[in-house]
Protein backbone atom coordinates (compact mmCIF):
# COMPACT_ATOMS: atom_id res chain seq x y z
CA MET A 1 0.00 0.00 0.00
CA CYS A 2 1.88 2.99 -1.23
CA SER A 3 1.07 6.40 0.16
CA THR A 4 2.86 9.67 0.61
CA ARG A 5 0.93 10.32 3.83
CA THR A 6 2.46 9.83 7.24
CA ILE A 7 0.87 8.32 10.31
CA ASP A 8 0.76 11.80 11.86
CA GLU A 9 -1.16 13.11 8.85
CA ILE A 10 -3.69 10.30 9.13
CA PHE A 11 -4.40 11.40 12.72
CA GLU A 12 -4.71 15.13 11.92
CA GLY A 13 -7.90 16.53 13.44
CA LYS A 14 -8.63 13.33 15.37
CA PRO A 15 -9.23 13.36 19.13
CA ASP A 16 -6.18 12.93 21.35
CA GLU A 17 -7.81 9.83 22.85
CA LEU A 18 -7.52 8.06 19.49
CA ILE A 19 -3.85 8.95 19.17
CA LEU A 20 -3.17 7.62 22.67
CA ALA A 21 -5.13 4.44 21.89
CA PHE A 22 -3.12 3.91 18.71
CA ASP A 23 0.12 4.51 20.60
CA GLN A 24 -0.84 1.80 23.10
CA VAL A 25 -1.60 -0.68 20.31
CA LEU A 26 1.68 0.20 18.61
CA ILE A 27 3.71 -0.15 21.81
CA HIS A 28 2.35 -3.64 22.41
CA VAL A 29 2.52 -5.13 18.93
CA ILE A 30 5.64 -3.56 17.43
CA ASP A 31 7.83 -6.05 19.29
CA TRP A 32 6.08 -9.01 17.68
CA ASN A 33 8.81 -9.87 15.19
CA PRO A 34 8.65 -9.59 12.32
CA CYS A 35 6.28 -6.63 12.22
CA SER A 36 6.41 -3.52 10.09
CA VAL A 37 4.12 -0.51 10.16
CA GLY A 38 3.29 1.89 7.37
CA ALA A 39 0.79 4.54 6.39
CA ALA A 40 -1.77 3.90 3.68
CA THR A 41 -4.20 6.50 2.36
CA ASN A 42 -6.52 6.57 5.38
CA ALA A 43 -5.18 3.84 7.63
CA ILE A 44 -2.11 2.37 9.25
CA VAL A 45 -1.12 -1.10 8.04
CA PHE A 46 0.75 -3.65 10.15
CA THR A 47 2.40 -6.40 8.13
CA LYS A 48 4.22 -9.63 8.77
CA GLU A 49 4.37 -11.55 5.49
CA LYS A 50 0.96 -10.05 4.67
CA ALA A 51 -1.14 -7.32 6.19
CA TRP A 52 -2.56 -8.70 9.41
CA LEU A 53 -3.86 -5.53 11.09
CA ILE A 54 -5.31 -2.35 9.65
CA VAL A 55 -5.97 0.55 12.01
CA LYS A 56 -8.33 3.23 10.75
CA PRO A 57 -8.97 6.40 12.77
CA MET A 58 -12.62 7.39 12.55
CA ALA A 59 -14.31 10.50 13.97
CA LYS A 60 -14.59 9.19 17.53
CA LEU A 61 -13.35 5.60 17.35
CA LEU A 62 -10.35 3.64 16.24
CA ASP A 63 -11.25 0.69 14.01
CA LEU A 64 -8.87 -2.25 14.46
CA LYS A 65 -9.32 -4.78 11.67
CA PHE A 66 -7.37 -8.00 11.95
CA TYR A 67 -7.46 -11.02 9.70
CA HIS A 68 -7.78 -14.68 10.63
CA PRO A 69 -8.58 -17.79 8.57
CA GLU A 70 -11.40 -18.72 10.96
CA LYS A 71 -14.33 -16.70 12.25
CA ILE A 72 -13.72 -15.70 15.86
CA GLU A 73 -16.70 -15.13 18.13
CA HIS A 74 -15.91 -12.66 20.91
CA HIS A 75 -17.76 -9.83 22.60
CA LEU A 76 -15.07 -7.30 21.60
CA ILE A 77 -15.51 -8.08 17.90
CA LYS A 78 -18.19 -5.74 16.55
CA ARG A 79 -18.26 -6.93 12.95
CA THR A 80 -16.85 -9.79 10.90
CA VAL A 81 -16.58 -9.83 7.11
CA HIS A 82 -15.78 -13.00 5.18
CA TYR A 83 -13.48 -12.68 2.20
CA ARG A 84 -12.30 -15.57 0.03
CA LYS A 85 -10.16 -17.46 2.53
CA VAL A 86 -10.07 -15.11 5.47
CA TYR A 87 -12.27 -13.28 7.94
CA ALA A 88 -11.77 -9.62 8.76
CA HIS A 89 -12.64 -8.97 12.40
CA HIS A 90 -13.38 -5.39 13.49
CA ILE A 91 -12.85 -4.11 17.00
CA ARG A 92 -13.59 -0.48 17.81
CA ILE A 93 -12.06 1.41 20.70
CA ALA A 94 -12.36 4.99 21.92
CA ASP A 95 -9.34 5.38 24.18
CA GLU A 96 -6.19 3.78 25.53
CA SER A 97 -7.96 2.15 28.49
CA GLU A 98 -9.58 -0.26 26.02
CA VAL A 99 -6.19 -1.66 24.95
CA THR A 100 -6.44 -4.57 27.37
CA PRO A 101 -4.74 -7.97 27.54
CA GLU A 102 -8.00 -9.42 26.20
CA LEU A 103 -7.89 -7.15 23.12
CA LEU A 104 -4.20 -7.82 22.61
CA SER A 105 -4.76 -11.58 22.72
CA LEU A 106 -7.27 -11.23 19.87
CA LEU A 107 -4.80 -9.17 17.85
CA ARG A 108 -2.14 -11.78 18.57
CA MET A 109 -4.40 -14.43 17.03
CA GLY A 110 -4.40 -12.39 13.83
CA TYR A 111 -0.65 -11.92 13.95
CA ASP A 112 0.03 -15.61 14.60
CA ALA A 113 -2.21 -16.63 11.68
CA TYR A 114 0.15 -14.89 9.25
């Protein structure tokens, strides 16, 4: 995903709570090696061999979309979309207090699948 935008530009005009929430996600997952992070047009993409997490700042929420080959049922997952061989699971958070071990374990499932 090529883009000339930076992560800071993607967060322009967004509430500070979303920036702090993103920072907490980043702090926890960046050490999962290998993991690279880059800016796309309107989102931040985390990749291993493939994109496994896409973070999209919305007006008041941060949408965390992670991929997994199986559908995961969990109360934190607000929406699941089935693509050809993968499910996209959406979790939405409003601030850094929602970056919990429970949320991180779901993200880790997406990371480990790729």
